[in-house]
């Protein structure tokens, strides 16, 4: 059987999810409670701040990552692929709905997956 070729970027994201899941299981609320009791106050505060900074950094990257949309629908009347609209309109955001340029009709809303 042929092996499926998976882009490195997808492998990296899947590996990140695996690592974050392992981290979530390993670092519990009790871990923080015990560390606060056992460690030097400044050391615990520094480690907690570093964890928060790393978590925030990853969250910001994910929040600012591009959104993806599904495939364009095909017009039921003329079988032409729809295009995102209103790209040039001042009302609403660009790509708010699918538009059949042949029939001049909307083909549903365009929202990210």
PDB file of N, CA and C in Angstrom:
ATOM      1  N   UNK A   1       0.833  -1.192   0.000  1.00  0.00           N
ATOM      2  CA  UNK A   1       0.000   0.000   0.000  1.00  0.00           C
ATOM      3  C   UNK A   1       0.873   1.250   0.000  1.00  0.00           C
ATOM      4  N   UNK A   2       0.420   2.260  -0.701  1.00  0.00           N
ATOM      5  CA  UNK A   2       1.143   3.523  -0.728  1.00  0.00           C
ATOM      6  C   UNK A   2       0.902   4.269   0.575  1.00  0.00           C
ATOM      7  N   UNK A   3       1.962   4.812   1.118  1.00  0.00           N
ATOM      8  CA  UNK A   3       1.838   5.616   2.331  1.00  0.00           C
ATOM      9  C   UNK A   3       1.266   6.971   1.960  1.00  0.00           C
ATOM     10  N   UNK A   4       0.396   7.469   2.814  1.00  0.00           N
ATOM     11  CA  UNK A   4      -0.185   8.790   2.576  1.00  0.00           C
ATOM     12  C   UNK A   4       0.859   9.854   2.876  1.00  0.00           C
ATOM     13  N   UNK A   5       0.988  10.817   1.990  1.00  0.00           N
ATOM     14  CA  UNK A   5       1.927  11.910   2.193  1.00  0.00           C
ATOM     15  C   UNK A   5       1.220  13.005   2.976  1.00  0.00           C
ATOM     16  N   UNK A   6       1.752  13.298   4.157  1.00  0.00           N
ATOM     17  CA  UNK A   6       1.168  14.307   5.027  1.00  0.00           C
ATOM     18  C   UNK A   6       2.139  15.481   5.098  1.00  0.00           C
ATOM     19  N   UNK A   7       1.655  16.701   4.822  1.00  0.00           N
ATOM     20  CA  UNK A   7       2.543  17.867   4.882  1.00  0.00           C
ATOM     21  C   UNK A   7       3.163  18.026   6.276  1.00  0.00           C
ATOM     22  N   UNK A   8       4.397  18.522   6.298  1.00  0.00           N
ATOM     23  CA  UNK A   8       5.113  18.720   7.562  1.00  0.00           C
ATOM     24  C   UNK A   8       4.354  19.643   8.511  1.00  0.00           C
ATOM     25  N   UNK A   9       3.665  20.626   7.959  1.00  0.00           N
ATOM     26  CA  UNK A   9       2.933  21.570   8.804  1.00  0.00           C
ATOM     27  C   UNK A   9       1.801  20.866   9.556  1.00  0.00           C
ATOM     28  N   UNK A  10       1.135  19.926   8.902  1.00  0.00           N
ATOM     29  CA  UNK A  10       0.055  19.178   9.552  1.00  0.00           C
ATOM     30  C   UNK A  10       0.634  18.265  10.626  1.00  0.00           C
ATOM     31  N   UNK A  11       1.760  17.629  10.330  1.00  0.00           N
ATOM     32  CA  UNK A  11       2.431  16.775  11.315  1.00  0.00           C
ATOM     33  C   UNK A  11       2.830  17.616  12.534  1.00  0.00           C
ATOM     34  N   UNK A  12       3.348  18.816  12.297  1.00  0.00           N
ATOM     35  CA  UNK A  12       3.759  19.697  13.397  1.00  0.00           C
ATOM     36  C   UNK A  12       2.570  20.072  14.273  1.00  0.00           C
ATOM     37  N   UNK A  13       1.422  20.389  13.661  1.00  0.00           N
ATOM     38  CA  UNK A  13       0.234  20.753  14.447  1.00  0.00           C
ATOM     39  C   UNK A  13      -0.285  19.557  15.243  1.00  0.00           C
ATOM     40  N   UNK A  14      -0.283  18.367  14.622  1.00  0.00           N
ATOM     41  CA  UNK A  14      -0.728  17.165  15.335  1.00  0.00           C
ATOM     42  C   UNK A  14       0.224  16.833  16.489  1.00  0.00           C
ATOM     43  N   UNK A  15       1.526  17.004  16.265  1.00  0.00           N
ATOM     44  CA  UNK A  15       2.505  16.778  17.333  1.00  0.00           C
ATOM     45  C   UNK A  15       2.306  17.773  18.470  1.00  0.00           C
ATOM     46  N   UNK A  16       1.987  19.020  18.127  1.00  0.00           N
ATOM     47  CA  UNK A  16       1.745  20.046  19.149  1.00  0.00           C
ATOM     48  C   UNK A  16       0.532  19.682  19.997  1.00  0.00           C
ATOM     49  N   UNK A  17      -0.520  19.188  19.356  1.00  0.00           N
ATOM     50  CA  UNK A  17      -1.712  18.783  20.107  1.00  0.00           C
ATOM     51  C   UNK A  17      -1.383  17.630  21.044  1.00  0.00           C
ATOM     52  N   UNK A  18      -0.611  16.668  20.558  1.00  0.00           N
ATOM     53  CA  UNK A  18      -0.204  15.532  21.390  1.00  0.00           C
ATOM     54  C   UNK A  18       0.606  16.016  22.592  1.00  0.00           C
ATOM     55  N   UNK A  19       1.564  16.921  22.351  1.00  0.00           N
ATOM     56  CA  UNK A  19       2.392  17.448  23.435  1.00  0.00           C
ATOM     57  C   UNK A  19       1.563  18.246  24.438  1.00  0.00           C
ATOM     58  N   UNK A  20       0.631  19.049  23.934  1.00  0.00           N
ATOM     59  CA  UNK A  20      -0.219  19.841  24.832  1.00  0.00           C
ATOM     60  C   UNK A  20      -1.139  18.943  25.660  1.00  0.00           C
ATOM     61  N   UNK A  21      -1.646  17.873  25.063  1.00  0.00           N
ATOM     62  CA  UNK A  21      -2.474  16.933  25.821  1.00  0.00           C
ATOM     63  C   UNK A  21      -1.673  16.267  26.937  1.00  0.00           C
ATOM     64  N   UNK A  22      -0.433  15.874  26.625  1.00  0.00           N
ATOM     65  CA  UNK A  22       0.429  15.270  27.640  1.00  0.00           C
ATOM     66  C   UNK A  22       0.735  16.271  28.749  1.00  0.00           C
ATOM     67  N   UNK A  23       1.004  17.507  28.370  1.00  0.00           N
ATOM     68  CA  UNK A  23       1.282  18.562  29.342  1.00  0.00           C
ATOM     69  C   UNK A  23       0.064  18.829  30.220  1.00  0.00           C
ATOM     70  N   UNK A  24      -1.109  18.838  29.615  1.00  0.00           N
ATOM     71  CA  UNK A  24      -2.343  19.076  30.363  1.00  0.00           C
ATOM     72  C   UNK A  24      -2.566  17.984  31.408  1.00  0.00           C
ATOM     73  N   UNK A  25      -2.241  16.741  31.037  1.00  0.00           N
ATOM     74  CA  UNK A  25      -2.398  15.632  31.998  1.00  0.00           C
ATOM     75  C   UNK A  25      -1.329  15.696  33.089  1.00  0.00           C
ATOM     76  N   UNK A  26      -0.125  16.115  32.739  1.00  0.00           N
ATOM     77  CA  UNK A  26       0.982  16.116  33.695  1.00  0.00           C
ATOM     78  C   UNK A  26       0.923  17.282  34.680  1.00  0.00           C
ATOM     79  N   UNK A  27       0.506  18.436  34.209  1.00  0.00           N
ATOM     80  CA  UNK A  27       0.480  19.628  35.062  1.00  0.00           C
ATOM     81  C   UNK A  27      -0.965  19.913  35.471  1.00  0.00           C
ATOM     82  N   UNK A  28      -1.289  19.497  36.675  1.00  0.00           N
ATOM     83  CA  UNK A  28      -2.653  19.667  37.191  1.00  0.00           C
ATOM     84  C   UNK A  28      -2.695  20.830  38.180  1.00  0.00           C
ATOM     85  N   UNK A  29      -3.869  21.099  38.666  1.00  0.00           N
ATOM     86  CA  UNK A  29      -4.017  22.145  39.684  1.00  0.00           C
ATOM     87  C   UNK A  29      -3.202  21.776  40.928  1.00  0.00           C
ATOM     88  N   UNK A  30      -3.207  20.489  41.259  1.00  0.00           N
ATOM     89  CA  UNK A  30      -2.430  20.032  42.413  1.00  0.00           C
ATOM     90  C   UNK A  30      -0.934  20.260  42.217  1.00  0.00           C
ATOM     91  N   UNK A  31      -0.463  20.168  40.973  1.00  0.00           N
ATOM     92  CA  UNK A  31       0.950  20.427  40.696  1.00  0.00           C
ATOM     93  C   UNK A  31       1.310  21.855  41.106  1.00  0.00           C
ATOM     94  N   UNK A  32       0.453  22.793  40.757  1.00  0.00           N
ATOM     95  CA  UNK A  32       0.692  24.193  41.124  1.00  0.00           C
ATOM     96  C   UNK A  32       0.615  24.382  42.637  1.00  0.00           C
ATOM     97  N   UNK A  33      -0.356  23.741  43.277  1.00  0.00           N
ATOM     98  CA  UNK A  33      -0.515  23.865  44.732  1.00  0.00           C
ATOM     99  C   UNK A  33       0.723  23.328  45.441  1.00  0.00           C
ATOM    100  N   UNK A  34       1.181  22.142  45.030  1.00  0.00           N
ATOM    101  CA  UNK A  34       2.363  21.542  45.655  1.00  0.00           C
ATOM    102  C   UNK A  34       3.604  22.396  45.410  1.00  0.00           C
ATOM    103  N   UNK A  35       3.763  22.873  44.191  1.00  0.00           N
ATOM    104  CA  UNK A  35       4.934  23.708  43.872  1.00  0.00           C
ATOM    105  C   UNK A  35       4.929  24.990  44.691  1.00  0.00           C
ATOM    106  N   UNK A  36       3.756  25.574  44.873  1.00  0.00           N
ATOM    107  CA  UNK A  36       3.658  26.804  45.658  1.00  0.00           C
ATOM    108  C   UNK A  36       4.070  26.556  47.105  1.00  0.00           C
ATOM    109  N   UNK A  37       3.757  25.369  47.624  1.00  0.00           N
ATOM    110  CA  UNK A  37       4.104  25.030  49.006  1.00  0.00           C
ATOM    111  C   UNK A  37       5.579  24.671  49.150  1.00  0.00           C
ATOM    112  N   UNK A  38       6.122  23.957  48.174  1.00  0.00           N
ATOM    113  CA  UNK A  38       7.461  23.374  48.322  1.00  0.00           C
ATOM    114  C   UNK A  38       8.599  24.249  47.790  1.00  0.00           C
ATOM    115  N   UNK A  39       8.331  25.060  46.791  1.00  0.00           N
ATOM    116  CA  UNK A  39       9.408  25.823  46.153  1.00  0.00           C
ATOM    117  C   UNK A  39       9.615  27.167  46.830  1.00  0.00           C
ATOM    118  N   UNK A  40      10.748  27.766  46.506  1.00  0.00           N
ATOM    119  CA  UNK A  40      10.999  29.141  46.928  1.00  0.00           C
ATOM    120  C   UNK A  40       9.965  30.028  46.239  1.00  0.00           C
ATOM    121  N   UNK A  41       9.501  31.042  46.902  1.00  0.00           N
ATOM    122  CA  UNK A  41       8.435  31.893  46.372  1.00  0.00           C
ATOM    123  C   UNK A  41       8.831  32.520  45.035  1.00  0.00           C
ATOM    124  N   UNK A  42      10.031  33.061  44.935  1.00  0.00           N
ATOM    125  CA  UNK A  42      10.453  33.722  43.697  1.00  0.00           C
ATOM    126  C   UNK A  42      10.605  32.711  42.555  1.00  0.00           C
ATOM    127  N   UNK A  43      11.090  31.493  42.891  1.00  0.00           N
ATOM    128  CA  UNK A  43      11.255  30.469  41.854  1.00  0.00           C
ATOM    129  C   UNK A  43       9.890  30.029  41.314  1.00  0.00           C
ATOM    130  N   UNK A  44       8.942  29.801  42.229  1.00  0.00           N
ATOM    131  CA  UNK A  44       7.597  29.395  41.816  1.00  0.00           C
ATOM    132  C   UNK A  44       6.946  30.492  40.964  1.00  0.00           C
ATOM    133  N   UNK A  45       7.066  31.739  41.400  1.00  0.00           N
ATOM    134  CA  UNK A  45       6.468  32.852  40.660  1.00  0.00           C
ATOM    135  C   UNK A  45       7.071  32.969  39.265  1.00  0.00           C
ATOM    136  N   UNK A  46       8.375  32.759  39.163  1.00  0.00           N
ATOM    137  CA  UNK A  46       9.053  32.838  37.866  1.00  0.00           C
ATOM    138  C   UNK A  46       8.582  31.712  36.937  1.00  0.00           C
ATOM    139  N   UNK A  47       8.488  30.491  37.457  1.00  0.00           N
ATOM    140  CA  UNK A  47       8.041  29.354  36.650  1.00  0.00           C
ATOM    141  C   UNK A  47       6.587  29.522  36.201  1.00  0.00           C
ATOM    142  N   UNK A  48       5.756  29.994  37.107  1.00  0.00           N
ATOM    143  CA  UNK A  48       4.340  30.218  36.781  1.00  0.00           C
ATOM    144  C   UNK A  48       4.209  31.274  35.680  1.00  0.00           C
ATOM    145  N   UNK A  49       4.983  32.346  35.798  1.00  0.00           N
ATOM    146  CA  UNK A  49       4.940  33.411  34.791  1.00  0.00           C
ATOM    147  C   UNK A  49       5.417  32.905  33.428  1.00  0.00           C
ATOM    148  N   UNK A  50       6.469  32.080  33.414  1.00  0.00           N
ATOM    149  CA  UNK A  50       6.965  31.517  32.158  1.00  0.00           C
ATOM    150  C   UNK A  50       5.925  30.600  31.512  1.00  0.00           C
ATOM    151  N   UNK A  51       5.267  29.773  32.321  1.00  0.00           N
ATOM    152  CA  UNK A  51       4.211  28.897  31.788  1.00  0.00           C
ATOM    153  C   UNK A  51       3.077  29.713  31.186  1.00  0.00           C
ATOM    154  N   UNK A  52       2.655  30.749  31.893  1.00  0.00           N
ATOM    155  CA  UNK A  52       1.582  31.608  31.376  1.00  0.00           C
ATOM    156  C   UNK A  52       1.992  32.294  30.082  1.00  0.00           C
ATOM    157  N   UNK A  53       3.232  32.760  30.004  1.00  0.00           N
ATOM    158  CA  UNK A  53       3.707  33.440  28.800  1.00  0.00           C
ATOM    159  C   UNK A  53       3.732  32.484  27.614  1.00  0.00           C
ATOM    160  N   UNK A  54       4.210  31.263  27.811  1.00  0.00           N
ATOM    161  CA  UNK A  54       4.260  30.281  26.720  1.00  0.00           C
ATOM    162  C   UNK A  54       2.850  29.902  26.278  1.00  0.00           C
ATOM    163  N   UNK A  55       1.964  29.684  27.239  1.00  0.00           N
ATOM    164  CA  UNK A  55       0.583  29.320  26.909  1.00  0.00           C
ATOM    165  C   UNK A  55      -0.106  30.454  26.148  1.00  0.00           C
ATOM    166  N   UNK A  56       0.128  31.680  26.565  1.00  0.00           N
ATOM    167  CA  UNK A  56      -0.455  32.841  25.892  1.00  0.00           C
ATOM    168  C   UNK A  56       0.092  32.985  24.482  1.00  0.00           C
ATOM    169  N   UNK A  57       1.372  32.729  24.313  1.00  0.00           N
ATOM    170  CA  UNK A  57       1.996  32.817  22.996  1.00  0.00           C
ATOM    171  C   UNK A  57       1.374  31.814  22.028  1.00  0.00           C
ATOM    172  N   UNK A  58       1.194  30.589  22.481  1.00  0.00           N
ATOM    173  CA  UNK A  58       0.578  29.565  21.634  1.00  0.00           C
ATOM    174  C   UNK A  58      -0.871  29.944  21.323  1.00  0.00           C
ATOM    175  N   UNK A  59      -1.591  30.429  22.325  1.00  0.00           N
ATOM    176  CA  UNK A  59      -2.983  30.825  22.117  1.00  0.00           C
ATOM    177  C   UNK A  59      -3.081  31.950  21.081  1.00  0.00           C
ATOM    178  N   UNK A  60      -2.208  32.941  21.166  1.00  0.00           N
ATOM    179  CA  UNK A  60      -2.231  34.059  20.212  1.00  0.00           C
ATOM    180  C   UNK A  60      -1.951  33.588  18.797  1.00  0.00           C
ATOM    181  N   UNK A  61      -0.998  32.664  18.642  1.00  0.00           N
ATOM    182  CA  UNK A  61      -0.703  32.125  17.315  1.00  0.00           C
ATOM    183  C   UNK A  61      -1.930  31.420  16.739  1.00  0.00           C
ATOM    184  N   UNK A  62      -2.608  30.641  17.570  1.00  0.00           N
ATOM    185  CA  UNK A  62      -3.792  29.912  17.101  1.00  0.00           C
ATOM    186  C   UNK A  62      -4.940  30.874  16.781  1.00  0.00           C
ATOM    187  N   UNK A  63      -5.130  31.890  17.604  1.00  0.00           N
ATOM    188  CA  UNK A  63      -6.215  32.845  17.376  1.00  0.00           C
ATOM    189  C   UNK A  63      -5.992  33.682  16.123  1.00  0.00           C
ATOM    190  N   UNK A  64      -4.727  33.941  15.777  1.00  0.00           N
ATOM    191  CA  UNK A  64      -4.425  34.750  14.603  1.00  0.00           C
ATOM    192  C   UNK A  64      -4.137  33.917  13.359  1.00  0.00           C
ATOM    193  N   UNK A  65      -4.289  32.624  13.476  1.00  0.00           N
ATOM    194  CA  UNK A  65      -4.068  31.739  12.325  1.00  0.00           C
ATOM    195  C   UNK A  65      -5.201  31.959  11.313  1.00  0.00           C
ATOM    196  N   UNK A  66      -4.908  31.775  10.044  1.00  0.00           N
ATOM    197  CA  UNK A  66      -5.951  31.991   9.032  1.00  0.00           C
ATOM    198  C   UNK A  66      -7.101  30.993   9.178  1.00  0.00           C
ATOM    199  N   UNK A  67      -8.299  31.466   8.882  1.00  0.00           N
ATOM    200  CA  UNK A  67      -9.481  30.607   8.870  1.00  0.00           C
ATOM    201  C   UNK A  67      -9.606  29.977   7.497  1.00  0.00           C
ATOM    202  N   UNK A  68     -10.232  28.825   7.438  1.00  0.00           N
ATOM    203  CA  UNK A  68     -10.458  28.184   6.145  1.00  0.00           C
ATOM    204  C   UNK A  68     -11.958  28.054   5.907  1.00  0.00           C
ATOM    205  N   UNK A  69     -12.312  28.075   4.640  1.00  0.00           N
ATOM    206  CA  UNK A  69     -13.698  27.966   4.227  1.00  0.00           C
ATOM    207  C   UNK A  69     -13.859  26.693   3.410  1.00  0.00           C
ATOM    208  N   UNK A  70     -15.066  26.166   3.398  1.00  0.00           N
ATOM    209  CA  UNK A  70     -15.337  24.972   2.607  1.00  0.00           C
ATOM    210  C   UNK A  70     -15.307  25.284   1.122  1.00  0.00           C
ATOM    211  N   UNK A  71     -15.459  24.248   0.314  1.00  0.00           N
ATOM    212  CA  UNK A  71     -15.481  24.434  -1.129  1.00  0.00           C
ATOM    213  C   UNK A  71     -16.697  25.259  -1.539  1.00  0.00           C
ATOM    214  N   UNK A  72     -16.543  25.983  -2.624  1.00  0.00           N
ATOM    215  CA  UNK A  72     -17.638  26.817  -3.135  1.00  0.00           C
ATOM    216  C   UNK A  72     -18.784  25.921  -3.589  1.00  0.00           C
ATOM    217  N   UNK A  73     -20.018  26.304  -3.252  1.00  0.00           N
ATOM    218  CA  UNK A  73     -21.155  25.527  -3.730  1.00  0.00           C
ATOM    219  C   UNK A  73     -21.364  25.743  -5.233  1.00  0.00           C
ATOM    220  N   UNK A  74     -22.082  24.833  -5.830  1.00  0.00           N
ATOM    221  CA  UNK A  74     -22.425  24.935  -7.246  1.00  0.00           C
ATOM    222  C   UNK A  74     -23.867  25.427  -7.329  1.00  0.00           C
ATOM    223  N   UNK A  75     -24.118  26.383  -8.209  1.00  0.00           N
ATOM    224  CA  UNK A  75     -25.460  26.938  -8.380  1.00  0.00           C
ATOM    225  C   UNK A  75     -26.407  25.829  -8.836  1.00  0.00           C
ATOM    226  N   UNK A  76     -27.557  25.753  -8.209  1.00  0.00           N
ATOM    227  CA  UNK A  76     -28.542  24.743  -8.567  1.00  0.00           C
ATOM    228  C   UNK A  76     -29.218  25.004  -9.899  1.00  0.00           C
ATOM    229  N   UNK A  77     -29.156  26.235 -10.383  1.00  0.00           N
ATOM    230  CA  UNK A  77     -29.807  26.586 -11.641  1.00  0.00           C
ATOM    231  C   UNK A  77     -28.893  26.382 -12.844  1.00  0.00           C
ATOM    232  N   UNK A  78     -27.680  26.944 -12.782  1.00  0.00           N
ATOM    233  CA  UNK A  78     -26.797  26.918 -13.957  1.00  0.00           C
ATOM    234  C   UNK A  78     -25.557  26.028 -13.778  1.00  0.00           C
ATOM    235  N   UNK A  79     -25.364  25.446 -12.605  1.00  0.00           N
ATOM    236  CA  UNK A  79     -24.236  24.556 -12.292  1.00  0.00           C
ATOM    237  C   UNK A  79     -22.878  25.251 -12.345  1.00  0.00           C
ATOM    238  N   UNK A  80     -22.863  26.573 -12.171  1.00  0.00           N
ATOM    239  CA  UNK A  80     -21.621  27.337 -12.116  1.00  0.00           C
ATOM    240  C   UNK A  80     -21.155  27.393 -10.664  1.00  0.00           C
ATOM    241  N   UNK A  81     -19.838  27.292 -10.438  1.00  0.00           N
ATOM    242  CA  UNK A  81     -19.312  27.413  -9.082  1.00  0.00           C
ATOM    243  C   UNK A  81     -19.495  28.842  -8.592  1.00  0.00           C
ATOM    244  N   UNK A  82     -19.952  28.982  -7.361  1.00  0.00           N
ATOM    245  CA  UNK A  82     -20.173  30.300  -6.772  1.00  0.00           C
ATOM    246  C   UNK A  82     -18.840  30.924  -6.368  1.00  0.00           C
ATOM    247  N   UNK A  83     -18.846  32.237  -6.175  1.00  0.00           N
ATOM    248  CA  UNK A  83     -17.659  32.982  -5.748  1.00  0.00           C
ATOM    249  C   UNK A  83     -17.998  33.731  -4.468  1.00  0.00           C
ATOM    250  N   UNK A  84     -16.981  34.049  -3.624  1.00  0.00           N
ATOM    251  CA  UNK A  84     -17.267  34.804  -2.406  1.00  0.00           C
ATOM    252  C   UNK A  84     -17.625  36.247  -2.726  1.00  0.00           C
ATOM    253  N   UNK A  85     -18.614  36.769  -2.041  1.00  0.00           N
ATOM    254  CA  UNK A  85     -19.042  38.157  -2.209  1.00  0.00           C
ATOM    255  C   UNK A  85     -19.470  38.716  -0.872  1.00  0.00           C
ATOM    256  N   UNK A  86     -19.562  39.973  -0.675  1.00  0.00           N
ATOM    257  CA  UNK A  86     -19.295  41.116  -1.533  1.00  0.00           C
ATOM    258  C   UNK A  86     -17.864  41.585  -1.359  1.00  0.00           C
ATOM    259  N   UNK A  87     -16.984  41.181  -2.224  1.00  0.00           N
ATOM    260  CA  UNK A  87     -15.569  41.535  -2.106  1.00  0.00           C
ATOM    261  C   UNK A  87     -15.344  43.039  -2.152  1.00  0.00           C
ATOM    262  N   UNK A  88     -16.121  43.742  -2.954  1.00  0.00           N
ATOM    263  CA  UNK A  88     -15.911  45.182  -3.070  1.00  0.00           C
ATOM    264  C   UNK A  88     -16.951  46.006  -2.323  1.00  0.00           C
ATOM    265  N   UNK A  89     -17.917  45.362  -1.711  1.00  0.00           N
ATOM    266  CA  UNK A  89     -18.997  46.085  -1.029  1.00  0.00           C
ATOM    267  C   UNK A  89     -18.516  46.723   0.270  1.00  0.00           C
ATOM    268  N   UNK A  90     -19.146  47.802   0.649  1.00  0.00           N
ATOM    269  CA  UNK A  90     -18.818  48.484   1.889  1.00  0.00           C
ATOM    270  C   UNK A  90     -19.665  47.965   3.054  1.00  0.00           C
ATOM    271  N   UNK A  91     -20.700  47.206   2.775  1.00  0.00           N
ATOM    272  CA  UNK A  91     -21.579  46.669   3.806  1.00  0.00           C
ATOM    273  C   UNK A  91     -21.185  45.225   4.082  1.00  0.00           C
ATOM    274  N   UNK A  92     -21.059  44.878   5.350  1.00  0.00           N
ATOM    275  CA  UNK A  92     -20.686  43.514   5.703  1.00  0.00           C
ATOM    276  C   UNK A  92     -19.207  43.279   5.468  1.00  0.00           C
ATOM    277  N   UNK A  93     -18.781  42.089   5.768  1.00  0.00           N
ATOM    278  CA  UNK A  93     -17.374  41.764   5.562  1.00  0.00           C
ATOM    279  C   UNK A  93     -17.186  41.078   4.220  1.00  0.00           C
ATOM    280  N   UNK A  94     -16.026  41.244   3.589  1.00  0.00           N
ATOM    281  CA  UNK A  94     -15.780  40.573   2.318  1.00  0.00           C
ATOM    282  C   UNK A  94     -15.935  39.068   2.457  1.00  0.00           C
ATOM    283  N   UNK A  95     -16.572  38.473   1.484  1.00  0.00           N
ATOM    284  CA  UNK A  95     -16.766  37.033   1.512  1.00  0.00           C
ATOM    285  C   UNK A  95     -17.849  36.582   2.452  1.00  0.00           C
ATOM    286  N   UNK A  96     -18.866  37.426   2.701  1.00  0.00           N
ATOM    287  CA  UNK A  96     -19.917  37.093   3.649  1.00  0.00           C
ATOM    288  C   UNK A  96     -20.893  36.050   3.100  1.00  0.00           C
ATOM    289  N   UNK A  97     -20.958  35.908   1.780  1.00  0.00           N
ATOM    290  CA  UNK A  97     -21.845  34.897   1.204  1.00  0.00           C
ATOM    291  C   UNK A  97     -21.302  34.416  -0.134  1.00  0.00           C
ATOM    292  N   UNK A  98     -21.847  33.313  -0.623  1.00  0.00           N
ATOM    293  CA  UNK A  98     -21.478  32.790  -1.945  1.00  0.00           C
ATOM    294  C   UNK A  98     -22.405  33.387  -2.984  1.00  0.00           C
ATOM    295  N   UNK A  99     -21.874  33.699  -4.170  1.00  0.00           N
ATOM    296  CA  UNK A  99     -22.616  34.412  -5.194  1.00  0.00           C
ATOM    297  C   UNK A  99     -22.424  33.735  -6.544  1.00  0.00           C
ATOM    298  N   UNK A 100     -23.533  33.474  -7.248  1.00  0.00           N
ATOM    299  CA  UNK A 100     -23.457  32.946  -8.610  1.00  0.00           C
ATOM    300  C   UNK A 100     -23.429  34.145  -9.549  1.00  0.00           C
ATOM    301  N   UNK A 101     -22.307  34.324 -10.245  1.00  0.00           N
ATOM    302  CA  UNK A 101     -22.164  35.475 -11.132  1.00  0.00           C
ATOM    303  C   UNK A 101     -23.019  35.348 -12.386  1.00  0.00           C
ATOM    304  N   UNK A 102     -23.352  34.125 -12.774  1.00  0.00           N
ATOM    305  CA  UNK A 102     -24.175  33.913 -13.961  1.00  0.00           C
ATOM    306  C   UNK A 102     -25.631  34.261 -13.677  1.00  0.00           C
ATOM    307  N   UNK A 103     -26.179  33.707 -12.594  1.00  0.00           N
ATOM    308  CA  UNK A 103     -27.591  33.925 -12.248  1.00  0.00           C
ATOM    309  C   UNK A 103     -27.814  35.178 -11.405  1.00  0.00           C
ATOM    310  N   UNK A 104     -26.715  35.750 -10.884  1.00  0.00           N
ATOM    311  CA  UNK A 104     -26.798  36.926 -10.014  1.00  0.00           C
ATOM    312  C   UNK A 104     -27.652  36.641  -8.775  1.00  0.00           C
ATOM    313  N   UNK A 105     -27.371  35.503  -8.137  1.00  0.00           N
ATOM    314  CA  UNK A 105     -28.117  35.108  -6.934  1.00  0.00           C
ATOM    315  C   UNK A 105     -27.144  34.654  -5.854  1.00  0.00           C
ATOM    316  N   UNK A 106     -27.568  34.787  -4.590  1.00  0.00           N
ATOM    317  CA  UNK A 106     -26.749  34.270  -3.479  1.00  0.00           C
ATOM    318  C   UNK A 106     -26.931  32.760  -3.414  1.00  0.00           C
ATOM    319  N   UNK A 107     -25.874  32.102  -2.964  1.00  0.00           N
ATOM    320  CA  UNK A 107     -25.878  30.644  -2.861  1.00  0.00           C
ATOM    321  C   UNK A 107     -25.598  30.186  -1.442  1.00  0.00           C
ATOM    322  N   UNK A 108     -25.959  30.988  -0.469  1.00  0.00           N
ATOM    323  CA  UNK A 108     -25.751  30.643   0.936  1.00  0.00           C
ATOM    324  C   UNK A 108     -24.662  31.472   1.566  1.00  0.00           C
ATOM    325  N   UNK A 109     -24.594  31.387   2.884  1.00  0.00           N
ATOM    326  CA  UNK A 109     -23.591  32.152   3.629  1.00  0.00           C
ATOM    327  C   UNK A 109     -22.234  31.486   3.543  1.00  0.00           C
ATOM    328  N   UNK A 110     -21.213  32.280   3.653  1.00  0.00           N
ATOM    329  CA  UNK A 110     -19.840  31.798   3.612  1.00  0.00           C
ATOM    330  C   UNK A 110     -19.238  32.001   4.980  1.00  0.00           C
ATOM    331  N   UNK A 111     -19.111  30.934   5.740  1.00  0.00           N
ATOM    332  CA  UNK A 111     -18.544  31.031   7.083  1.00  0.00           C
ATOM    333  C   UNK A 111     -17.393  30.050   7.220  1.00  0.00           C
ATOM    334  N   UNK A 112     -16.448  30.364   8.114  1.00  0.00           N
ATOM    335  CA  UNK A 112     -15.301  29.478   8.282  1.00  0.00           C
ATOM    336  C   UNK A 112     -15.709  28.144   8.890  1.00  0.00           C
ATOM    337  N   UNK A 113     -14.935  27.131   8.551  1.00  0.00           N
ATOM    338  CA  UNK A 113     -15.188  25.794   9.110  1.00  0.00           C
ATOM    339  C   UNK A 113     -14.759  25.758  10.549  1.00  0.00           C
TER     340      UNK A 113
END
